[in-house]
Amino acid sequence: MATGDDLRAGYVDLASTDRHVYALFSGNVMGQAGQQTFFGRQVHVFDWSGRMVARLELDEPALTLALAPDESRLYAVRHEPQPSVVRYDLPRLPDGG
């Protein structure tokens, strides 16, 4: 596993409901992203069998996620362009299984 400037971050946070797991993906490299290494713009959505059912793209990199229990909204903590908690309305996703 790479360390130092070669460290590449993968999944940096997740939130889940009874239906899905929402995983925040970074993909950033420490030497290129610096303090933004552990922030991500992509959210990969999995059913509980591990099958990816959706990919979502955030408008700004986020540090952490939270979900409404009914999966109608995703909340993200971001630092740019200013520190804030932002809300995204989500489409209804199919149940997995």
PDB file of N, CA and C in Angstrom:
ATOM      1  N   MET A   1       0.840  -1.179   0.000  1.00  0.00           N
ATOM      2  CA  MET A   1       0.000   0.000   0.000  1.00  0.00           C
ATOM      3  C   MET A   1       0.882   1.238   0.000  1.00  0.00           C
ATOM      4  N   ALA A   2       0.548   2.184  -0.850  1.00  0.00           N
ATOM      5  CA  ALA A   2       1.323   3.411  -0.950  1.00  0.00           C
ATOM      6  C   ALA A   2       1.139   4.262   0.306  1.00  0.00           C
ATOM      7  N   THR A   3       2.175   5.020   0.648  1.00  0.00           N
ATOM      8  CA  THR A   3       2.114   5.939   1.781  1.00  0.00           C
ATOM      9  C   THR A   3       2.672   7.290   1.338  1.00  0.00           C
ATOM     10  N   GLY A   4       2.603   8.263   2.218  1.00  0.00           N
ATOM     11  CA  GLY A   4       3.146   9.577   1.910  1.00  0.00           C
ATOM     12  C   GLY A   4       2.446  10.213   0.725  1.00  0.00           C
ATOM     13  N   ASP A   5       3.217  10.868  -0.145  1.00  0.00           N
ATOM     14  CA  ASP A   5       2.658  11.572  -1.288  1.00  0.00           C
ATOM     15  C   ASP A   5       1.983  10.647  -2.301  1.00  0.00           C
ATOM     16  N   ASP A   6       2.310   9.341  -2.270  1.00  0.00           N
ATOM     17  CA  ASP A   6       1.726   8.376  -3.209  1.00  0.00           C
ATOM     18  C   ASP A   6       0.419   7.759  -2.707  1.00  0.00           C
ATOM     19  N   LEU A   7       0.017   8.095  -1.478  1.00  0.00           N
ATOM     20  CA  LEU A   7      -1.208   7.539  -0.913  1.00  0.00           C
ATOM     21  C   LEU A   7      -2.420   7.980  -1.728  1.00  0.00           C
ATOM     22  N   ARG A   8      -3.213   7.034  -2.199  1.00  0.00           N
ATOM     23  CA  ARG A   8      -4.461   7.336  -2.916  1.00  0.00           C
ATOM     24  C   ARG A   8      -5.624   6.942  -2.007  1.00  0.00           C
ATOM     25  N   ALA A   9      -6.502   7.881  -1.755  1.00  0.00           N
ATOM     26  CA  ALA A   9      -7.673   7.622  -0.918  1.00  0.00           C
ATOM     27  C   ALA A   9      -8.757   6.951  -1.752  1.00  0.00           C
ATOM     28  N   GLY A  10      -9.448   6.014  -1.158  1.00  0.00           N
ATOM     29  CA  GLY A  10     -10.568   5.344  -1.809  1.00  0.00           C
ATOM     30  C   GLY A  10     -11.876   5.853  -1.230  1.00  0.00           C
ATOM     31  N   TYR A  11     -12.623   4.962  -0.579  1.00  0.00           N
ATOM     32  CA  TYR A  11     -13.864   5.369   0.075  1.00  0.00           C
ATOM     33  C   TYR A  11     -13.504   6.054   1.389  1.00  0.00           C
ATOM     34  N   VAL A  12     -14.037   7.254   1.570  1.00  0.00           N
ATOM     35  CA  VAL A  12     -13.655   8.060   2.727  1.00  0.00           C
ATOM     36  C   VAL A  12     -14.785   8.251   3.728  1.00  0.00           C
ATOM     37  N   ASP A  13     -16.014   7.899   3.350  1.00  0.00           N
ATOM     38  CA  ASP A  13     -17.137   7.969   4.279  1.00  0.00           C
ATOM     39  C   ASP A  13     -18.294   7.173   3.697  1.00  0.00           C
ATOM     40  N   LEU A  14     -19.232   6.793   4.538  1.00  0.00           N
ATOM     41  CA  LEU A  14     -20.443   6.138   4.039  1.00  0.00           C
ATOM     42  C   LEU A  14     -21.606   6.406   4.962  1.00  0.00           C
ATOM     43  N   ALA A  15     -22.770   6.267   4.381  1.00  0.00           N
ATOM     44  CA  ALA A  15     -24.029   6.357   5.109  1.00  0.00           C
ATOM     45  C   ALA A  15     -24.930   5.271   4.538  1.00  0.00           C
ATOM     46  N   SER A  16     -25.862   4.780   5.347  1.00  0.00           N
ATOM     47  CA  SER A  16     -26.699   3.689   4.849  1.00  0.00           C
ATOM     48  C   SER A  16     -28.118   3.791   5.388  1.00  0.00           C
ATOM     49  N   THR A  17     -28.987   3.068   4.704  1.00  0.00           N
ATOM     50  CA  THR A  17     -30.367   2.877   5.134  1.00  0.00           C
ATOM     51  C   THR A  17     -30.635   1.370   5.071  1.00  0.00           C
ATOM     52  N   ASP A  18     -31.857   0.982   5.312  1.00  0.00           N
ATOM     53  CA  ASP A  18     -32.218  -0.428   5.183  1.00  0.00           C
ATOM     54  C   ASP A  18     -32.126  -0.906   3.741  1.00  0.00           C
ATOM     55  N   ARG A  19     -32.138   0.015   2.783  1.00  0.00           N
ATOM     56  CA  ARG A  19     -32.158  -0.341   1.363  1.00  0.00           C
ATOM     57  C   ARG A  19     -30.787  -0.268   0.701  1.00  0.00           C
ATOM     58  N   HIS A  20     -29.996   0.759   1.030  1.00  0.00           N
ATOM     59  CA  HIS A  20     -28.761   1.013   0.291  1.00  0.00           C
ATOM     60  C   HIS A  20     -27.622   1.505   1.171  1.00  0.00           C
ATOM     61  N   VAL A  21     -26.408   1.376   0.631  1.00  0.00           N
ATOM     62  CA  VAL A  21     -25.195   1.933   1.222  1.00  0.00           C
ATOM     63  C   VAL A  21     -24.686   2.999   0.259  1.00  0.00           C
ATOM     64  N   TYR A  22     -24.471   4.201   0.760  1.00  0.00           N
ATOM     65  CA  TYR A  22     -23.954   5.327  -0.020  1.00  0.00           C
ATOM     66  C   TYR A  22     -22.513   5.551   0.409  1.00  0.00           C
ATOM     67  N   ALA A  23     -21.573   5.340  -0.505  1.00  0.00           N
ATOM     68  CA  ALA A  23     -20.148   5.428  -0.189  1.00  0.00           C
ATOM     69  C   ALA A  23     -19.522   6.615  -0.922  1.00  0.00           C
ATOM     70  N   LEU A  24     -18.892   7.507  -0.167  1.00  0.00           N
ATOM     71  CA  LEU A  24     -18.239   8.680  -0.731  1.00  0.00           C
ATOM     72  C   LEU A  24     -16.844   8.280  -1.197  1.00  0.00           C
ATOM     73  N   PHE A  25     -16.590   8.429  -2.502  1.00  0.00           N
ATOM     74  CA  PHE A  25     -15.323   8.001  -3.095  1.00  0.00           C
ATOM     75  C   PHE A  25     -14.456   9.214  -3.391  1.00  0.00           C
ATOM     76  N   SER A  26     -13.189   9.143  -2.972  1.00  0.00           N
ATOM     77  CA  SER A  26     -12.240  10.221  -3.218  1.00  0.00           C
ATOM     78  C   SER A  26     -11.451   9.978  -4.499  1.00  0.00           C
ATOM     79  N   GLY A  27     -10.559   8.984  -4.474  1.00  0.00           N
ATOM     80  CA  GLY A  27      -9.683   8.727  -5.606  1.00  0.00           C
ATOM     81  C   GLY A  27      -8.526   9.694  -5.702  1.00  0.00           C
ATOM     82  N   ASN A  28      -8.441  10.647  -4.776  1.00  0.00           N
ATOM     83  CA  ASN A  28      -7.379  11.652  -4.787  1.00  0.00           C
ATOM     84  C   ASN A  28      -6.058  11.082  -4.292  1.00  0.00           C
ATOM     85  N   VAL A  29      -4.968  11.655  -4.780  1.00  0.00           N
ATOM     86  CA  VAL A  29      -3.614  11.273  -4.373  1.00  0.00           C
ATOM     87  C   VAL A  29      -3.070  12.368  -3.461  1.00  0.00           C
ATOM     88  N   MET A  30      -2.498  11.965  -2.327  1.00  0.00           N
ATOM     89  CA  MET A  30      -2.014  12.900  -1.309  1.00  0.00           C
ATOM     90  C   MET A  30      -1.083  13.963  -1.894  1.00  0.00           C
ATOM     91  N   GLY A  31      -0.133  13.566  -2.715  1.00  0.00           N
ATOM     92  CA  GLY A  31       0.838  14.508  -3.265  1.00  0.00           C
ATOM     93  C   GLY A  31       0.235  15.526  -4.211  1.00  0.00           C
ATOM     94  N   GLN A  32      -0.926  15.224  -4.766  1.00  0.00           N
ATOM     95  CA  GLN A  32      -1.590  16.146  -5.688  1.00  0.00           C
ATOM     96  C   GLN A  32      -2.703  16.936  -5.009  1.00  0.00           C
ATOM     97  N   ALA A  33      -3.414  16.303  -4.090  1.00  0.00           N
ATOM     98  CA  ALA A  33      -4.604  16.917  -3.499  1.00  0.00           C
ATOM     99  C   ALA A  33      -4.353  17.545  -2.134  1.00  0.00           C
ATOM    100  N   GLY A  34      -3.279  17.165  -1.455  1.00  0.00           N
ATOM    101  CA  GLY A  34      -2.983  17.732  -0.136  1.00  0.00           C
ATOM    102  C   GLY A  34      -4.124  17.530   0.827  1.00  0.00           C
ATOM    103  N   GLN A  35      -4.601  18.614   1.413  1.00  0.00           N
ATOM    104  CA  GLN A  35      -5.667  18.535   2.412  1.00  0.00           C
ATOM    105  C   GLN A  35      -6.995  18.065   1.837  1.00  0.00           C
ATOM    106  N   GLN A  36      -7.155  18.114   0.526  1.00  0.00           N
ATOM    107  CA  GLN A  36      -8.394  17.671  -0.110  1.00  0.00           C
ATOM    108  C   GLN A  36      -8.395  16.166  -0.400  1.00  0.00           C
ATOM    109  N   THR A  37      -7.329  15.452  -0.008  1.00  0.00           N
ATOM    110  CA  THR A  37      -7.216  14.031  -0.303  1.00  0.00           C
ATOM    111  C   THR A  37      -8.433  13.243   0.169  1.00  0.00           C
ATOM    112  N   PHE A  38      -8.938  13.561   1.339  1.00  0.00           N
ATOM    113  CA  PHE A  38     -10.016  12.774   1.925  1.00  0.00           C
ATOM    114  C   PHE A  38     -11.401  13.379   1.694  1.00  0.00           C
ATOM    115  N   PHE A  39     -11.504  14.194   0.661  1.00  0.00           N
ATOM    116  CA  PHE A  39     -12.780  14.723   0.202  1.00  0.00           C
ATOM    117  C   PHE A  39     -13.143  13.998  -1.095  1.00  0.00           C
ATOM    118  N   GLY A  40     -14.430  13.863  -1.371  1.00  0.00           N
ATOM    119  CA  GLY A  40     -14.845  13.198  -2.598  1.00  0.00           C
ATOM    120  C   GLY A  40     -16.035  13.877  -3.244  1.00  0.00           C
ATOM    121  N   ARG A  41     -16.146  13.689  -4.555  1.00  0.00           N
ATOM    122  CA  ARG A  41     -17.287  14.211  -5.324  1.00  0.00           C
ATOM    123  C   ARG A  41     -18.211  13.096  -5.788  1.00  0.00           C
ATOM    124  N   GLN A  42     -17.702  11.871  -5.827  1.00  0.00           N
ATOM    125  CA  GLN A  42     -18.506  10.752  -6.315  1.00  0.00           C
ATOM    126  C   GLN A  42     -19.128   9.993  -5.144  1.00  0.00           C
ATOM    127  N   VAL A  43     -20.401   9.660  -5.299  1.00  0.00           N
ATOM    128  CA  VAL A  43     -21.089   8.817  -4.324  1.00  0.00           C
ATOM    129  C   VAL A  43     -21.516   7.558  -5.065  1.00  0.00           C
ATOM    130  N   HIS A  44     -21.002   6.414  -4.623  1.00  0.00           N
ATOM    131  CA  HIS A  44     -21.376   5.119  -5.194  1.00  0.00           C
ATOM    132  C   HIS A  44     -22.450   4.524  -4.302  1.00  0.00           C
ATOM    133  N   VAL A  45     -23.549   4.112  -4.912  1.00  0.00           N
ATOM    134  CA  VAL A  45     -24.677   3.562  -4.162  1.00  0.00           C
ATOM    135  C   VAL A  45     -24.746   2.063  -4.418  1.00  0.00           C
ATOM    136  N   PHE A  46     -24.747   1.283  -3.340  1.00  0.00           N
ATOM    137  CA  PHE A  46     -24.768  -0.177  -3.406  1.00  0.00           C
ATOM    138  C   PHE A  46     -26.028  -0.706  -2.740  1.00  0.00           C
ATOM    139  N   ASP A  47     -26.524  -1.833  -3.258  1.00  0.00           N
ATOM    140  CA  ASP A  47     -27.555  -2.542  -2.499  1.00  0.00           C
ATOM    141  C   ASP A  47     -26.826  -3.406  -1.467  1.00  0.00           C
ATOM    142  N   TRP A  48     -27.577  -4.062  -0.616  1.00  0.00           N
ATOM    143  CA  TRP A  48     -26.956  -4.815   0.472  1.00  0.00           C
ATOM    144  C   TRP A  48     -26.331  -6.131   0.015  1.00  0.00           C
ATOM    145  N   SER A  49     -26.460  -6.478  -1.246  1.00  0.00           N
ATOM    146  CA  SER A  49     -25.735  -7.638  -1.764  1.00  0.00           C
ATOM    147  C   SER A  49     -24.393  -7.215  -2.366  1.00  0.00           C
ATOM    148  N   GLY A  50     -24.113  -5.890  -2.349  1.00  0.00           N
ATOM    149  CA  GLY A  50     -22.835  -5.385  -2.850  1.00  0.00           C
ATOM    150  C   GLY A  50     -22.860  -4.938  -4.298  1.00  0.00           C
ATOM    151  N   ARG A  51     -24.011  -4.968  -4.934  1.00  0.00           N
ATOM    152  CA  ARG A  51     -24.123  -4.549  -6.336  1.00  0.00           C
ATOM    153  C   ARG A  51     -24.299  -3.030  -6.404  1.00  0.00           C
ATOM    154  N   MET A  52     -23.463  -2.362  -7.236  1.00  0.00           N
ATOM    155  CA  MET A  52     -23.612  -0.924  -7.409  1.00  0.00           C
ATOM    156  C   MET A  52     -24.873  -0.644  -8.223  1.00  0.00           C
ATOM    157  N   VAL A  53     -25.743   0.196  -7.677  1.00  0.00           N
ATOM    158  CA  VAL A  53     -27.005   0.496  -8.349  1.00  0.00           C
ATOM    159  C   VAL A  53     -27.064   1.926  -8.884  1.00  0.00           C
ATOM    160  N   ALA A  54     -26.137   2.788  -8.455  1.00  0.00           N
ATOM    161  CA  ALA A  54     -26.126   4.170  -8.943  1.00  0.00           C
ATOM    162  C   ALA A  54     -24.791   4.820  -8.629  1.00  0.00           C
ATOM    163  N   ARG A  55     -24.478   5.834  -9.418  1.00  0.00           N
ATOM    164  CA  ARG A  55     -23.337   6.718  -9.160  1.00  0.00           C
ATOM    165  C   ARG A  55     -23.858   8.135  -9.190  1.00  0.00           C
ATOM    166  N   LEU A  56     -23.550   8.878  -8.155  1.00  0.00           N
ATOM    167  CA  LEU A  56     -23.983  10.265  -8.063  1.00  0.00           C
ATOM    168  C   LEU A  56     -22.750  11.161  -8.055  1.00  0.00           C
ATOM    169  N   GLU A  57     -22.880  12.351  -8.611  1.00  0.00           N
ATOM    170  CA  GLU A  57     -21.776  13.312  -8.644  1.00  0.00           C
ATOM    171  C   GLU A  57     -22.213  14.567  -7.887  1.00  0.00           C
ATOM    172  N   LEU A  58     -21.425  14.931  -6.865  1.00  0.00           N
ATOM    173  CA  LEU A  58     -21.704  16.142  -6.103  1.00  0.00           C
ATOM    174  C   LEU A  58     -21.119  17.350  -6.822  1.00  0.00           C
ATOM    175  N   ASP A  59     -21.689  18.524  -6.589  1.00  0.00           N
ATOM    176  CA  ASP A  59     -21.189  19.722  -7.261  1.00  0.00           C
ATOM    177  C   ASP A  59     -19.889  20.241  -6.657  1.00  0.00           C
ATOM    178  N   GLU A  60     -19.595  19.893  -5.414  1.00  0.00           N
ATOM    179  CA  GLU A  60     -18.342  20.265  -4.744  1.00  0.00           C
ATOM    180  C   GLU A  60     -17.883  19.075  -3.908  1.00  0.00           C
ATOM    181  N   PRO A  61     -16.564  18.936  -3.688  1.00  0.00           N
ATOM    182  CA  PRO A  61     -16.070  17.838  -2.852  1.00  0.00           C
ATOM    183  C   PRO A  61     -16.622  17.910  -1.430  1.00  0.00           C
ATOM    184  N   ALA A  62     -16.970  16.751  -0.890  1.00  0.00           N
ATOM    185  CA  ALA A  62     -17.531  16.656   0.460  1.00  0.00           C
ATOM    186  C   ALA A  62     -16.625  15.814   1.346  1.00  0.00           C
ATOM    187  N   LEU A  63     -16.756  16.029   2.649  1.00  0.00           N
ATOM    188  CA  LEU A  63     -15.968  15.299   3.629  1.00  0.00           C
ATOM    189  C   LEU A  63     -16.748  14.141   4.244  1.00  0.00           C
ATOM    190  N   THR A  64     -18.047  14.321   4.407  1.00  0.00           N
ATOM    191  CA  THR A  64     -18.856  13.303   5.058  1.00  0.00           C
ATOM    192  C   THR A  64     -20.297  13.370   4.554  1.00  0.00           C
ATOM    193  N   LEU A  65     -21.034  12.272   4.744  1.00  0.00           N
ATOM    194  CA  LEU A  65     -22.407  12.137   4.250  1.00  0.00           C
ATOM    195  C   LEU A  65     -23.368  11.758   5.366  1.00  0.00           C
ATOM    196  N   ALA A  66     -24.630  12.110   5.160  1.00  0.00           N
ATOM    197  CA  ALA A  66     -25.738  11.625   5.988  1.00  0.00           C
ATOM    198  C   ALA A  66     -26.957  11.522   5.074  1.00  0.00           C
ATOM    199  N   LEU A  67     -27.889  10.656   5.452  1.00  0.00           N
ATOM    200  CA  LEU A  67     -29.081  10.411   4.630  1.00  0.00           C
ATOM    201  C   LEU A  67     -30.357  10.602   5.436  1.00  0.00           C
ATOM    202  N   ALA A  68     -31.399  11.062   4.762  1.00  0.00           N
ATOM    203  CA  ALA A  68     -32.733  10.997   5.338  1.00  0.00           C
ATOM    204  C   ALA A  68     -33.130   9.524   5.371  1.00  0.00           C
ATOM    205  N   PRO A  69     -33.838   9.065   6.390  1.00  0.00           N
ATOM    206  CA  PRO A  69     -34.197   7.645   6.487  1.00  0.00           C
ATOM    207  C   PRO A  69     -34.944   7.101   5.268  1.00  0.00           C
ATOM    208  N   ASP A  70     -35.717   7.951   4.585  1.00  0.00           N
ATOM    209  CA  ASP A  70     -36.465   7.490   3.409  1.00  0.00           C
ATOM    210  C   ASP A  70     -35.670   7.639   2.104  1.00  0.00           C
ATOM    211  N   GLU A  71     -34.396   8.032   2.209  1.00  0.00           N
ATOM    212  CA  GLU A  71     -33.488   8.202   1.070  1.00  0.00           C
ATOM    213  C   GLU A  71     -33.935   9.293   0.102  1.00  0.00           C
ATOM    214  N   SER A  72     -34.728  10.228   0.562  1.00  0.00           N
ATOM    215  CA  SER A  72     -35.160  11.311  -0.318  1.00  0.00           C
ATOM    216  C   SER A  72     -34.137  12.441  -0.391  1.00  0.00           C
ATOM    217  N   ARG A  73     -33.259  12.518   0.617  1.00  0.00           N
ATOM    218  CA  ARG A  73     -32.262  13.572   0.674  1.00  0.00           C
ATOM    219  C   ARG A  73     -30.923  13.039   1.158  1.00  0.00           C
ATOM    220  N   LEU A  74     -29.867  13.598   0.593  1.00  0.00           N
ATOM    221  CA  LEU A  74     -28.494  13.321   1.018  1.00  0.00           C
ATOM    222  C   LEU A  74     -27.943  14.630   1.550  1.00  0.00           C
ATOM    223  N   TYR A  75     -27.288  14.566   2.695  1.00  0.00           N
ATOM    224  CA  TYR A  75     -26.647  15.739   3.288  1.00  0.00           C
ATOM    225  C   TYR A  75     -25.140  15.525   3.230  1.00  0.00           C
ATOM    226  N   ALA A  76     -24.407  16.585   2.912  1.00  0.00           N
ATOM    227  CA  ALA A  76     -22.955  16.488   2.805  1.00  0.00           C
ATOM    228  C   ALA A  76     -22.318  17.684   3.500  1.00  0.00           C
ATOM    229  N   VAL A  77     -21.194  17.426   4.167  1.00  0.00           N
ATOM    230  CA  VAL A  77     -20.393  18.497   4.761  1.00  0.00           C
ATOM    231  C   VAL A  77     -19.284  18.823   3.778  1.00  0.00           C
ATOM    232  N   ARG A  78     -19.180  20.085   3.427  1.00  0.00           N
ATOM    233  CA  ARG A  78     -18.112  20.509   2.525  1.00  0.00           C
ATOM    234  C   ARG A  78     -17.439  21.753   3.090  1.00  0.00           C
ATOM    235  N   HIS A  79     -16.253  22.045   2.571  1.00  0.00           N
ATOM    236  CA  HIS A  79     -15.497  23.203   3.046  1.00  0.00           C
ATOM    237  C   HIS A  79     -15.371  24.291   1.997  1.00  0.00           C
ATOM    238  N   GLU A  80     -15.596  23.969   0.726  1.00  0.00           N
ATOM    239  CA  GLU A  80     -15.476  24.947  -0.355  1.00  0.00           C
ATOM    240  C   GLU A  80     -16.822  25.053  -1.075  1.00  0.00           C
ATOM    241  N   PRO A  81     -17.256  26.154  -1.540  1.00  0.00           N
ATOM    242  CA  PRO A  81     -16.549  27.429  -1.493  1.00  0.00           C
ATOM    243  C   PRO A  81     -16.549  28.065  -0.109  1.00  0.00           C
ATOM    244  N   GLN A  82     -17.374  27.552   0.810  1.00  0.00           N
ATOM    245  CA  GLN A  82     -17.314  27.944   2.220  1.00  0.00           C
ATOM    246  C   GLN A  82     -17.810  26.767   3.043  1.00  0.00           C
ATOM    247  N   PRO A  83     -17.376  26.651   4.306  1.00  0.00           N
ATOM    248  CA  PRO A  83     -17.847  25.527   5.125  1.00  0.00           C
ATOM    249  C   PRO A  83     -19.369  25.534   5.235  1.00  0.00           C
ATOM    250  N   SER A  84     -19.968  24.375   4.959  1.00  0.00           N
ATOM    251  CA  SER A  84     -21.426  24.297   4.997  1.00  0.00           C
ATOM    252  C   SER A  84     -21.901  22.850   4.987  1.00  0.00           C
ATOM    253  N   VAL A  85     -23.155  22.687   5.357  1.00  0.00           N
ATOM    254  CA  VAL A  85     -23.871  21.432   5.173  1.00  0.00           C
ATOM    255  C   VAL A  85     -24.845  21.684   4.027  1.00  0.00           C
ATOM    256  N   VAL A  86     -24.769  20.854   3.012  1.00  0.00           N
ATOM    257  CA  VAL A  86     -25.624  21.040   1.843  1.00  0.00           C
ATOM    258  C   VAL A  86     -26.566  19.850   1.695  1.00  0.00           C
ATOM    259  N   ARG A  87     -27.693  20.099   1.054  1.00  0.00           N
ATOM    260  CA  ARG A  87     -28.703  19.065   0.864  1.00  0.00           C
ATOM    261  C   ARG A  87     -28.883  18.817  -0.625  1.00  0.00           C
ATOM    262  N   TYR A  88     -28.965  17.523  -0.966  1.00  0.00           N
ATOM    263  CA  TYR A  88     -29.251  17.107  -2.336  1.00  0.00           C
ATOM    264  C   TYR A  88     -30.519  16.267  -2.305  1.00  0.00           C
ATOM    265  N   ASP A  89     -31.476  16.596  -3.158  1.00  0.00           N
ATOM    266  CA  ASP A  89     -32.672  15.760  -3.315  1.00  0.00           C
ATOM    267  C   ASP A  89     -32.290  14.577  -4.199  1.00  0.00           C
ATOM    268  N   LEU A  90     -32.666  13.383  -3.780  1.00  0.00           N
ATOM    269  CA  LEU A  90     -32.265  12.164  -4.477  1.00  0.00           C
ATOM    270  C   LEU A  90     -33.413  11.553  -5.266  1.00  0.00           C
ATOM    271  N   PRO A  91     -33.087  10.917  -6.391  1.00  0.00           N
ATOM    272  CA  PRO A  91     -34.106  10.156  -7.116  1.00  0.00           C
ATOM    273  C   PRO A  91     -34.408   8.862  -6.369  1.00  0.00           C
ATOM    274  N   ARG A  92     -35.558   8.307  -6.587  1.00  0.00           N
ATOM    275  CA  ARG A  92     -35.896   6.996  -5.999  1.00  0.00           C
ATOM    276  C   ARG A  92     -35.101   5.935  -6.726  1.00  0.00           C
ATOM    277  N   LEU A  93     -34.357   5.141  -5.968  1.00  0.00           N
ATOM    278  CA  LEU A  93     -33.527   4.071  -6.550  1.00  0.00           C
ATOM    279  C   LEU A  93     -34.230   2.726  -6.412  1.00  0.00           C
ATOM    280  N   PRO A  94     -33.939   1.806  -7.320  1.00  0.00           N
ATOM    281  CA  PRO A  94     -34.558   0.481  -7.226  1.00  0.00           C
ATOM    282  C   PRO A  94     -34.025  -0.288  -6.023  1.00  0.00           C
ATOM    283  N   ASP A  95     -34.888  -1.110  -5.442  1.00  0.00           N
ATOM    284  CA  ASP A  95     -34.427  -2.016  -4.387  1.00  0.00           C
ATOM    285  C   ASP A  95     -33.559  -3.075  -5.006  1.00  0.00           C
ATOM    286  N   GLY A  96     -32.520  -3.475  -4.283  1.00  0.00           N
ATOM    287  CA  GLY A  96     -31.649  -4.548  -4.771  1.00  0.00           C
ATOM    288  C   GLY A  96     -32.060  -5.870  -4.180  1.00  0.00           C
ATOM    289  N   GLY A  97     -31.228  -6.839  -4.422  1.00  0.00           N
ATOM    290  CA  GLY A  97     -31.533  -8.129  -3.809  1.00  0.00           C
ATOM    291  C   GLY A  97     -30.997  -9.283  -4.547  1.00  0.00           C
TER     292      GLY A  97
END
